[in-house]
Amino acid sequence: MLSLNLDLSNLLVGWVCATGVAVAESSPELTAELDRVAADPTAQGLNDEVRVGVRDLLRGHGYKPSGRGKPASEFLVAAAAKGDFPHINNLVDINNLLSLETGWPISIIDIDRAGTDTFELRHGQSGERYAFNNAGHEIDLAGLLCVARPDGEPFGNPVKDSMATKLNSDTSRVLGVMYTSRQVTNPDAVEASARRFAELIEQYAGASEVESGALYASPVES
């Protein structure tokens, strides 16, 4: 389902693959849980250590994780601080709830729209771009950690996901990818967060089958 095509020893990835999901308006229970975390900074995981750790993860291959190119989790915390956190649909709201709780950016991808059942994590190449909103605005992917088709086409990253694989009313299979760093957490915690992701998708999106796990390179021994 998901493999690494890079040598990044501090990378930790939680993943979820869910089948039989239904995209719908969030239930009152999910909305209440999201609103509670959005309103309570003490329930949110994005502290200074996590912010630095995730940004450091995205550096080193020419990408600068700042300004409009900062991790998506930082935009979510900023939106929560304004007191008017958006509700999109059940799957996006689950994504946003977990991102607020952990402080980690998360991608969620429509597997069928991607046209592949296998994905890899790699760094974006010079000249690679994709549109990330309905207005056609594009993000430059050079040096940025990306979820991509094995033959090369990228669909997601810790900053902005592609419109090409955005969820819609016909979505029935999704891949969720949580990006974080050994600087701020460990594989056991990532696996636990991935299991929670899976449980929320079962509970609030009606998934008939869900798998989850963690993916990481072996740490470099000193």
C-alpha atoms as a PDB file:
ATOM      1  CA  MET A   1       0.000   0.000   0.000  1.00  0.00           C
ATOM      2  CA  LEU A   2       2.626   2.579   1.098  1.00  0.00           C
ATOM      3  CA  SER A   3       6.424   2.389   0.876  1.00  0.00           C
ATOM      4  CA  LEU A   4       9.429   4.644   1.377  1.00  0.00           C
ATOM      5  CA  ASN A   5      11.516   5.723  -1.597  1.00  0.00           C
ATOM      6  CA  LEU A   6      13.854   7.969   0.360  1.00  0.00           C
ATOM      7  CA  ASP A   7      16.482   7.848   3.085  1.00  0.00           C
ATOM      8  CA  LEU A   8      15.107  10.030   5.870  1.00  0.00           C
ATOM      9  CA  SER A   9      15.976   8.515   9.230  1.00  0.00           C
ATOM     10  CA  ASN A  10      13.928  10.953  11.329  1.00  0.00           C
ATOM     11  CA  LEU A  11      10.693  10.343   9.361  1.00  0.00           C
ATOM     12  CA  LEU A  12       7.792   8.574  11.071  1.00  0.00           C
ATOM     13  CA  VAL A  13       4.592   7.945   9.144  1.00  0.00           C
ATOM     14  CA  GLY A  14       1.263   6.685  10.382  1.00  0.00           C
ATOM     15  CA  TRP A  15      -1.042   5.306   7.696  1.00  0.00           C
ATOM     16  CA  VAL A  16      -4.640   4.185   7.387  1.00  0.00           C
ATOM     17  CA  CYS A  17      -6.318   2.455   4.457  1.00  0.00           C
ATOM     18  CA  ALA A  18     -10.122   2.301   4.651  1.00  0.00           C
ATOM     19  CA  THR A  19     -12.658   0.670   2.332  1.00  0.00           C
ATOM     20  CA  GLY A  20     -16.413   1.172   2.185  1.00  0.00           C
ATOM     21  CA  VAL A  21     -16.401   4.699   3.580  1.00  0.00           C
ATOM     22  CA  ALA A  22     -19.255   7.143   2.997  1.00  0.00           C
ATOM     23  CA  VAL A  23     -18.512  10.858   2.726  1.00  0.00           C
ATOM     24  CA  ALA A  24     -21.247  12.763   4.546  1.00  0.00           C
ATOM     25  CA  GLU A  25     -21.932  15.651   6.881  1.00  0.00           C
ATOM     26  CA  SER A  26     -20.295  15.052  10.242  1.00  0.00           C
ATOM     27  CA  SER A  27     -22.466  13.650  12.996  1.00  0.00           C
ATOM     28  CA  PRO A  28     -23.247  15.892  15.991  1.00  0.00           C
ATOM     29  CA  GLU A  29     -20.896  13.734  18.078  1.00  0.00           C
ATOM     30  CA  LEU A  30     -17.945  14.207  15.711  1.00  0.00           C
ATOM     31  CA  THR A  31     -18.659  17.921  15.346  1.00  0.00           C
ATOM     32  CA  ALA A  32     -18.770  18.318  19.124  1.00  0.00           C
ATOM     33  CA  GLU A  33     -15.465  16.482  19.552  1.00  0.00           C
ATOM     34  CA  LEU A  34     -13.785  18.600  16.885  1.00  0.00           C
ATOM     35  CA  ASP A  35     -15.174  21.831  18.345  1.00  0.00           C
ATOM     36  CA  ARG A  36     -14.018  20.848  21.843  1.00  0.00           C
ATOM     37  CA  VAL A  37     -10.416  20.314  20.724  1.00  0.00           C
ATOM     38  CA  ALA A  38     -10.441  23.421  18.504  1.00  0.00           C
ATOM     39  CA  ALA A  39     -11.564  25.530  21.471  1.00  0.00           C
ATOM     40  CA  ASP A  40      -9.049  24.104  23.960  1.00  0.00           C
ATOM     41  CA  PRO A  41      -5.358  24.798  23.278  1.00  0.00           C
ATOM     42  CA  THR A  42      -4.394  22.373  26.052  1.00  0.00           C
ATOM     43  CA  ALA A  43      -5.968  19.537  24.001  1.00  0.00           C
ATOM     44  CA  GLN A  44      -3.879  20.413  20.957  1.00  0.00           C
ATOM     45  CA  GLY A  45      -0.520  18.807  20.214  1.00  0.00           C
ATOM     46  CA  LEU A  46       1.226  21.608  18.343  1.00  0.00           C
ATOM     47  CA  ASN A  47       3.696  22.990  20.861  1.00  0.00           C
ATOM     48  CA  ASP A  48       7.026  24.593  20.007  1.00  0.00           C
ATOM     49  CA  GLU A  49       8.867  21.251  20.058  1.00  0.00           C
ATOM     50  CA  VAL A  50       6.456  19.633  17.600  1.00  0.00           C
ATOM     51  CA  ARG A  51       6.429  22.707  15.352  1.00  0.00           C
ATOM     52  CA  VAL A  52      10.225  22.695  15.101  1.00  0.00           C
ATOM     53  CA  GLY A  53      10.423  18.916  14.696  1.00  0.00           C
ATOM     54  CA  VAL A  54       7.938  18.775  11.824  1.00  0.00           C
ATOM     55  CA  ARG A  55       9.486  21.776  10.080  1.00  0.00           C
ATOM     56  CA  ASP A  56      12.955  20.220  10.419  1.00  0.00           C
ATOM     57  CA  LEU A  57      11.557  17.061   8.810  1.00  0.00           C
ATOM     58  CA  LEU A  58      10.658  19.038   5.694  1.00  0.00           C
ATOM     59  CA  ARG A  59      14.009  20.802   5.384  1.00  0.00           C
ATOM     60  CA  GLY A  60      17.186  19.437   3.851  1.00  0.00           C
ATOM     61  CA  HIS A  61      16.130  18.937   0.236  1.00  0.00           C
ATOM     62  CA  GLY A  62      15.622  22.567  -0.733  1.00  0.00           C
ATOM     63  CA  TYR A  63      12.116  23.035   0.651  1.00  0.00           C
ATOM     64  CA  LYS A  64      11.459  25.902   3.087  1.00  0.00           C
ATOM     65  CA  PRO A  65       8.544  25.116   5.468  1.00  0.00           C
ATOM     66  CA  SER A  66       7.486  28.659   6.339  1.00  0.00           C
ATOM     67  CA  GLY A  67       4.938  31.286   5.342  1.00  0.00           C
ATOM     68  CA  ARG A  68       2.369  29.840   2.949  1.00  0.00           C
ATOM     69  CA  GLY A  69       4.496  26.710   2.701  1.00  0.00           C
ATOM     70  CA  LYS A  70       4.331  25.772   6.387  1.00  0.00           C
ATOM     71  CA  PRO A  71       2.848  22.424   7.502  1.00  0.00           C
ATOM     72  CA  ALA A  72      -0.935  22.131   7.279  1.00  0.00           C
ATOM     73  CA  SER A  73      -1.194  21.456  11.020  1.00  0.00           C
ATOM     74  CA  GLU A  74      -0.024  25.014  11.720  1.00  0.00           C
ATOM     75  CA  PHE A  75      -2.814  26.454   9.557  1.00  0.00           C
ATOM     76  CA  LEU A  76      -5.361  24.370  11.485  1.00  0.00           C
ATOM     77  CA  VAL A  77      -4.157  25.632  14.859  1.00  0.00           C
ATOM     78  CA  ALA A  78      -4.291  29.217  13.560  1.00  0.00           C
ATOM     79  CA  ALA A  79      -7.885  28.639  12.379  1.00  0.00           C
ATOM     80  CA  ALA A  80      -8.809  27.201  15.772  1.00  0.00           C
ATOM     81  CA  ALA A  81      -7.358  30.237  17.529  1.00  0.00           C
ATOM     82  CA  LYS A  82      -9.720  32.477  15.539  1.00  0.00           C
ATOM     83  CA  GLY A  83     -12.696  30.674  17.083  1.00  0.00           C
ATOM     84  CA  ASP A  84     -14.415  29.774  13.820  1.00  0.00           C
ATOM     85  CA  PHE A  85     -13.108  26.333  12.917  1.00  0.00           C
ATOM     86  CA  PRO A  86     -14.572  24.964   9.657  1.00  0.00           C
ATOM     87  CA  HIS A  87     -16.642  21.786   9.332  1.00  0.00           C
ATOM     88  CA  ILE A  88     -16.146  20.152   5.920  1.00  0.00           C
ATOM     89  CA  ASN A  89     -17.338  16.541   5.954  1.00  0.00           C
ATOM     90  CA  ASN A  90     -16.889  13.528   8.209  1.00  0.00           C
ATOM     91  CA  LEU A  91     -13.568  12.322   6.772  1.00  0.00           C
ATOM     92  CA  VAL A  92     -11.951  15.745   6.531  1.00  0.00           C
ATOM     93  CA  ASP A  93     -13.199  16.577  10.024  1.00  0.00           C
ATOM     94  CA  ILE A  94     -11.631  13.346  11.353  1.00  0.00           C
ATOM     95  CA  ASN A  95      -8.390  14.336   9.612  1.00  0.00           C
ATOM     96  CA  ASN A  96      -8.509  17.806  11.164  1.00  0.00           C
ATOM     97  CA  LEU A  97      -9.390  16.492  14.631  1.00  0.00           C
ATOM     98  CA  LEU A  98      -6.374  14.182  14.650  1.00  0.00           C
ATOM     99  CA  SER A  99      -4.090  16.854  13.248  1.00  0.00           C
ATOM    100  CA  LEU A 100      -5.122  19.236  16.027  1.00  0.00           C
ATOM    101  CA  GLU A 101      -4.662  16.539  18.679  1.00  0.00           C
ATOM    102  CA  THR A 102      -1.208  15.459  17.506  1.00  0.00           C
ATOM    103  CA  GLY A 103       0.158  18.637  15.932  1.00  0.00           C
ATOM    104  CA  TRP A 104       1.134  16.576  12.864  1.00  0.00           C
ATOM    105  CA  PRO A 105       0.088  17.331   9.267  1.00  0.00           C
ATOM    106  CA  ILE A 106      -2.084  14.643   7.643  1.00  0.00           C
ATOM    107  CA  SER A 107      -2.999  13.834   4.038  1.00  0.00           C
ATOM    108  CA  ILE A 108      -6.212  12.085   3.048  1.00  0.00           C
ATOM    109  CA  ILE A 109      -6.430  10.723  -0.499  1.00  0.00           C
ATOM    110  CA  ASP A 110      -9.179   9.128  -2.593  1.00  0.00           C
ATOM    111  CA  ILE A 111      -7.536   5.875  -3.674  1.00  0.00           C
ATOM    112  CA  ASP A 112      -9.735   5.336  -6.714  1.00  0.00           C
ATOM    113  CA  ARG A 113      -9.156   8.854  -8.024  1.00  0.00           C
ATOM    114  CA  ALA A 114      -5.419   8.237  -7.639  1.00  0.00           C
ATOM    115  CA  GLY A 115      -5.781   5.236  -9.936  1.00  0.00           C
ATOM    116  CA  THR A 116      -3.432   3.028  -7.947  1.00  0.00           C
ATOM    117  CA  ASP A 117      -3.497   0.771  -4.900  1.00  0.00           C
ATOM    118  CA  THR A 118       0.170   1.343  -4.130  1.00  0.00           C
ATOM    119  CA  PHE A 119       1.844   4.588  -3.114  1.00  0.00           C
ATOM    120  CA  GLU A 120       5.322   5.700  -2.170  1.00  0.00           C
ATOM    121  CA  LEU A 121       6.803   8.513  -0.127  1.00  0.00           C
ATOM    122  CA  ARG A 122       9.527  10.451  -1.927  1.00  0.00           C
ATOM    123  CA  HIS A 123      10.815  13.990  -2.330  1.00  0.00           C
ATOM    124  CA  GLY A 124       9.323  16.187  -5.027  1.00  0.00           C
ATOM    125  CA  GLN A 125      11.474  16.864  -8.059  1.00  0.00           C
ATOM    126  CA  SER A 126      12.341  20.176  -9.681  1.00  0.00           C
ATOM    127  CA  GLY A 127       9.451  21.340 -11.844  1.00  0.00           C
ATOM    128  CA  GLU A 128       6.807  19.163 -10.163  1.00  0.00           C
ATOM    129  CA  ARG A 129       3.631  21.001  -9.180  1.00  0.00           C
ATOM    130  CA  TYR A 130      -0.057  20.342  -8.673  1.00  0.00           C
ATOM    131  CA  ALA A 131      -3.227  22.362  -8.088  1.00  0.00           C
ATOM    132  CA  PHE A 132      -4.427  22.322  -4.499  1.00  0.00           C
ATOM    133  CA  ASN A 133      -7.692  24.290  -4.697  1.00  0.00           C
ATOM    134  CA  ASN A 134     -10.647  24.983  -6.986  1.00  0.00           C
ATOM    135  CA  ALA A 135      -9.047  28.233  -8.162  1.00  0.00           C
ATOM    136  CA  GLY A 136      -6.196  26.234  -9.711  1.00  0.00           C
ATOM    137  CA  HIS A 137      -3.480  27.601  -7.424  1.00  0.00           C
ATOM    138  CA  GLU A 138      -0.423  25.350  -7.488  1.00  0.00           C
ATOM    139  CA  ILE A 139       2.210  24.321  -4.987  1.00  0.00           C
ATOM    140  CA  ASP A 140       5.837  23.850  -6.016  1.00  0.00           C
ATOM    141  CA  LEU A 141       6.792  20.348  -4.835  1.00  0.00           C
ATOM    142  CA  ALA A 142      10.570  20.558  -5.333  1.00  0.00           C
ATOM    143  CA  GLY A 143      12.272  19.064  -2.270  1.00  0.00           C
ATOM    144  CA  LEU A 144       8.985  18.501  -0.428  1.00  0.00           C
ATOM    145  CA  LEU A 145       8.053  15.144   1.056  1.00  0.00           C
ATOM    146  CA  CYS A 146       5.232  13.729  -1.133  1.00  0.00           C
ATOM    147  CA  VAL A 147       2.864  10.783  -1.372  1.00  0.00           C
ATOM    148  CA  ALA A 148       3.075   9.658  -4.988  1.00  0.00           C
ATOM    149  CA  ARG A 149       2.141   6.996  -7.490  1.00  0.00           C
ATOM    150  CA  PRO A 150       5.033   4.521  -7.883  1.00  0.00           C
ATOM    151  CA  ASP A 151       5.502   5.718 -11.471  1.00  0.00           C
ATOM    152  CA  GLY A 152       5.907   9.258 -10.186  1.00  0.00           C
ATOM    153  CA  GLU A 153       2.714  11.351 -10.018  1.00  0.00           C
ATOM    154  CA  PRO A 154       2.375  13.032  -6.574  1.00  0.00           C
ATOM    155  CA  PHE A 155      -0.970  13.456  -4.790  1.00  0.00           C
ATOM    156  CA  GLY A 156      -0.306  14.651  -1.246  1.00  0.00           C
ATOM    157  CA  ASN A 157       2.196  16.209   1.124  1.00  0.00           C
ATOM    158  CA  PRO A 158       2.349  17.702   4.636  1.00  0.00           C
ATOM    159  CA  VAL A 159       1.393  21.164   3.323  1.00  0.00           C
ATOM    160  CA  LYS A 160      -1.405  20.844   0.739  1.00  0.00           C
ATOM    161  CA  ASP A 161      -2.996  17.845  -0.971  1.00  0.00           C
ATOM    162  CA  SER A 162      -3.806  17.650  -4.675  1.00  0.00           C
ATOM    163  CA  MET A 163      -7.235  18.463  -6.092  1.00  0.00           C
ATOM    164  CA  ALA A 164      -6.819  15.385  -8.305  1.00  0.00           C
ATOM    165  CA  THR A 165      -7.464  13.044  -5.365  1.00  0.00           C
ATOM    166  CA  LYS A 166      -9.750  15.223  -3.262  1.00  0.00           C
ATOM    167  CA  LEU A 167     -12.629  13.380  -1.570  1.00  0.00           C
ATOM    168  CA  ASN A 168     -16.109  13.704  -3.076  1.00  0.00           C
ATOM    169  CA  SER A 169     -19.550  12.144  -2.711  1.00  0.00           C
ATOM    170  CA  ASP A 170     -18.433   9.044  -4.648  1.00  0.00           C
ATOM    171  CA  THR A 171     -15.375   8.345  -2.490  1.00  0.00           C
ATOM    172  CA  SER A 172     -15.377   4.819  -1.068  1.00  0.00           C
ATOM    173  CA  ARG A 173     -11.678   4.100  -0.409  1.00  0.00           C
ATOM    174  CA  VAL A 174      -9.226   6.422   1.313  1.00  0.00           C
ATOM    175  CA  LEU A 175      -5.589   6.511   2.313  1.00  0.00           C
ATOM    176  CA  GLY A 176      -4.641   8.644   5.305  1.00  0.00           C
ATOM    177  CA  VAL A 177      -0.985   9.588   5.903  1.00  0.00           C
ATOM    178  CA  MET A 178       0.274  11.194   9.127  1.00  0.00           C
ATOM    179  CA  TYR A 179       3.714  12.855   8.956  1.00  0.00           C
ATOM    180  CA  THR A 180       5.912  13.345  11.997  1.00  0.00           C
ATOM    181  CA  SER A 181       9.479  13.051  13.272  1.00  0.00           C
ATOM    182  CA  ARG A 182      11.570  11.030  15.693  1.00  0.00           C
ATOM    183  CA  GLN A 183      12.542  14.399  17.199  1.00  0.00           C
ATOM    184  CA  VAL A 184       9.103  14.652  18.788  1.00  0.00           C
ATOM    185  CA  THR A 185       7.610  11.143  19.046  1.00  0.00           C
ATOM    186  CA  ASN A 186       8.266   7.420  18.586  1.00  0.00           C
ATOM    187  CA  PRO A 187       6.921   4.547  16.459  1.00  0.00           C
ATOM    188  CA  ASP A 188       4.627   3.231  19.201  1.00  0.00           C
ATOM    189  CA  ALA A 189       2.879   6.595  19.530  1.00  0.00           C
ATOM    190  CA  VAL A 190       2.530   6.847  15.748  1.00  0.00           C
ATOM    191  CA  GLU A 191       0.995   3.365  15.566  1.00  0.00           C
ATOM    192  CA  ALA A 192      -1.445   4.322  18.349  1.00  0.00           C
ATOM    193  CA  SER A 193      -2.469   7.482  16.493  1.00  0.00           C
ATOM    194  CA  ALA A 194      -2.950   5.491  13.290  1.00  0.00           C
ATOM    195  CA  ARG A 195      -5.208   3.057  15.169  1.00  0.00           C
ATOM    196  CA  ARG A 196      -7.240   5.972  16.492  1.00  0.00           C
ATOM    197  CA  PHE A 197      -7.512   7.301  12.929  1.00  0.00           C
ATOM    198  CA  ALA A 198      -8.840   3.891  11.846  1.00  0.00           C
ATOM    199  CA  GLU A 199     -11.315   3.701  14.733  1.00  0.00           C
ATOM    200  CA  LEU A 200     -12.703   7.166  13.981  1.00  0.00           C
ATOM    201  CA  ILE A 201     -13.164   6.270  10.309  1.00  0.00           C
ATOM    202  CA  GLU A 202     -15.034   3.117  11.302  1.00  0.00           C
ATOM    203  CA  GLN A 203     -17.166   5.012  13.803  1.00  0.00           C
ATOM    204  CA  TYR A 204     -17.989   8.142  11.821  1.00  0.00           C
ATOM    205  CA  ALA A 205     -17.562   7.133   8.150  1.00  0.00           C
ATOM    206  CA  GLY A 206     -18.899   3.582   8.233  1.00  0.00           C
ATOM    207  CA  ALA A 207     -15.792   1.882   6.858  1.00  0.00           C
ATOM    208  CA  SER A 208     -16.284  -1.834   6.223  1.00  0.00           C
ATOM    209  CA  GLU A 209     -12.573  -2.634   6.318  1.00  0.00           C
ATOM    210  CA  VAL A 210      -9.700  -0.656   7.833  1.00  0.00           C
ATOM    211  CA  GLU A 211      -5.974  -1.291   8.153  1.00  0.00           C
ATOM    212  CA  SER A 212      -3.438   0.925   9.906  1.00  0.00           C
ATOM    213  CA  GLY A 213       0.210   0.971  10.843  1.00  0.00           C
ATOM    214  CA  ALA A 214       3.463   2.911  11.014  1.00  0.00           C
ATOM    215  CA  LEU A 215       6.247   3.231   8.454  1.00  0.00           C
ATOM    216  CA  TYR A 216       9.788   4.420   9.089  1.00  0.00           C
ATOM    217  CA  ALA A 217      13.393   3.936   8.171  1.00  0.00           C
ATOM    218  CA  SER A 218      15.784   2.323  10.627  1.00  0.00           C
ATOM    219  CA  PRO A 219      17.507   4.997  12.703  1.00  0.00           C
ATOM    220  CA  VAL A 220      21.138   5.698  11.958  1.00  0.00           C
ATOM    221  CA  GLU A 221      23.371   4.261  14.666  1.00  0.00           C
ATOM    222  CA  SER A 222      25.970   6.579  16.084  1.00  0.00           C
END
